[in-house]
Amino acid sequence: MSYLENSAQPAVSFEKPFLPGTPSSVAAIEQWLATKFAEQLAIPAHAVSLEKSITSFGLDSMDAIIIAGDLEDWMGMELSSTLLWDFDTIAIIARHLFENLTAVRGQ
């Protein structure tokens, strides 16, 4: 069983319909998140590592809510406001979200 399967709460709700403009790869989600972290935290893009713990960026709760809300809009699905705290790295978040998108597309 993987780390993602052990999540206590689902970080994604698929109440909104899947939108065709949503990301087509894990890399697209990673890139979006890395760019958004850099913008929101006013740090250089090269300082945002996909494997670095999210807590190490100095993210506060307001930043996390803003990023999660923007991500929700971009992906066209309802996401948990605690999404960024539920997973350790951008890479893990991106993989989790893409796996959920893939599952919905297969339905």
Protein backbone atom coordinates (compact mmCIF):
# COMPACT_ATOMS: atom_id res chain seq x y z
CA MET A 1 0.00 0.00 0.00
CA SER A 2 1.46 3.38 -0.97
CA TYR A 3 1.66 6.56 1.08
CA LEU A 4 -1.16 8.04 -0.97
CA GLU A 5 -3.47 5.14 -0.25
CA ASN A 6 -2.90 5.66 3.47
CA SER A 7 -4.26 9.21 3.47
CA ALA A 8 -6.75 9.68 6.27
CA GLN A 9 -9.02 12.00 4.30
CA PRO A 10 -9.52 12.42 0.59
CA ALA A 11 -7.98 15.71 -0.56
CA VAL A 12 -10.15 15.83 -3.65
CA SER A 13 -13.88 15.93 -4.13
CA PHE A 14 -15.26 15.28 -7.57
CA GLU A 15 -18.58 17.05 -7.09
CA LYS A 16 -17.80 19.41 -9.96
CA PRO A 17 -17.67 17.84 -13.41
CA PHE A 18 -14.33 17.08 -15.02
CA LEU A 19 -13.31 19.91 -17.30
CA PRO A 20 -11.42 19.20 -20.52
CA GLY A 21 -8.89 21.97 -19.79
CA THR A 22 -7.49 20.26 -16.72
CA PRO A 23 -3.86 19.12 -16.64
CA SER A 24 -2.76 16.18 -18.74
CA SER A 25 0.27 15.10 -16.71
CA VAL A 26 1.86 15.03 -13.28
CA ALA A 27 4.56 17.35 -14.66
CA ALA A 28 1.95 19.96 -15.62
CA ILE A 29 0.58 19.99 -12.07
CA GLU A 30 4.09 20.13 -10.60
CA GLN A 31 4.98 23.08 -12.84
CA TRP A 32 1.78 24.93 -11.96
CA LEU A 33 2.34 24.38 -8.23
CA ALA A 34 6.02 25.38 -8.35
CA THR A 35 5.17 28.57 -10.23
CA LYS A 36 2.31 29.39 -7.86
CA PHE A 37 4.48 28.78 -4.76
CA ALA A 38 7.17 31.11 -6.14
CA GLU A 39 4.61 33.82 -6.95
CA GLN A 40 2.66 33.56 -3.70
CA LEU A 41 5.73 33.43 -1.48
CA ALA A 42 7.74 35.97 -3.52
CA ILE A 43 10.70 33.61 -3.85
CA PRO A 44 12.77 32.77 -6.92
CA ALA A 45 11.31 29.94 -9.00
CA HIS A 46 14.61 28.03 -8.80
CA ALA A 47 14.20 27.92 -4.99
CA VAL A 48 11.06 25.79 -5.29
CA SER A 49 12.07 22.15 -5.27
CA LEU A 50 9.44 19.54 -6.07
CA GLU A 51 10.93 17.20 -3.46
CA LYS A 52 11.41 19.76 -0.69
CA SER A 53 9.05 19.60 2.28
CA ILE A 54 6.26 22.13 1.86
CA THR A 55 6.73 23.32 5.43
CA SER A 56 10.29 24.40 4.59
CA PHE A 57 9.02 27.13 2.23
CA GLY A 58 7.61 29.16 5.14
CA LEU A 59 4.06 28.78 3.89
CA ASP A 60 1.44 30.17 6.25
CA SER A 61 -2.22 29.16 6.38
CA MET A 62 -3.39 32.11 4.27
CA ASP A 63 -0.85 31.29 1.54
CA ALA A 64 -1.96 27.65 1.60
CA ILE A 65 -5.64 28.57 1.27
CA ILE A 66 -4.93 30.96 -1.61
CA ILE A 67 -2.82 28.39 -3.48
CA ALA A 68 -5.38 25.62 -2.87
CA GLY A 69 -8.19 27.89 -4.08
CA ASP A 70 -6.31 28.86 -7.24
CA LEU A 71 -5.46 25.20 -7.85
CA GLU A 72 -9.12 24.29 -7.41
CA ASP A 73 -10.08 26.89 -10.04
CA TRP A 74 -7.36 25.75 -12.44
CA MET A 75 -8.22 22.08 -12.13
CA GLY A 76 -11.98 22.60 -12.15
CA MET A 77 -12.65 20.46 -9.10
CA GLU A 78 -13.28 20.96 -5.44
CA LEU A 79 -10.16 20.44 -3.32
CA SER A 80 -9.61 20.33 0.41
CA SER A 81 -8.48 23.64 1.86
CA THR A 82 -5.88 21.62 3.80
CA LEU A 83 -4.50 19.92 0.68
CA LEU A 84 -1.07 21.51 1.01
CA TRP A 85 -0.77 20.34 4.61
CA ASP A 86 -2.01 16.82 3.85
CA PHE A 87 1.01 15.91 1.69
CA ASP A 88 4.71 16.53 2.25
CA THR A 89 5.95 17.74 -1.14
CA ILE A 90 4.76 19.31 -4.38
CA ALA A 91 5.67 16.09 -6.19
CA ILE A 92 3.44 14.01 -3.90
CA ILE A 93 0.53 16.46 -4.23
CA ALA A 94 0.84 16.48 -8.03
CA ARG A 95 0.94 12.69 -8.22
CA HIS A 96 -2.07 12.36 -5.92
CA LEU A 97 -4.12 14.87 -7.91
CA PHE A 98 -3.22 13.32 -11.25
CA GLU A 99 -4.08 9.82 -10.01
CA ASN A 100 -7.49 11.13 -8.97
CA LEU A 101 -7.98 12.84 -12.34
CA THR A 102 -7.04 9.63 -14.12
CA ALA A 103 -9.54 7.67 -12.03
CA VAL A 104 -12.32 10.14 -12.89
CA ARG A 105 -11.46 10.07 -16.58
CA GLY A 106 -11.72 6.28 -16.51
CA GLN A 107 -15.23 6.31 -15.05
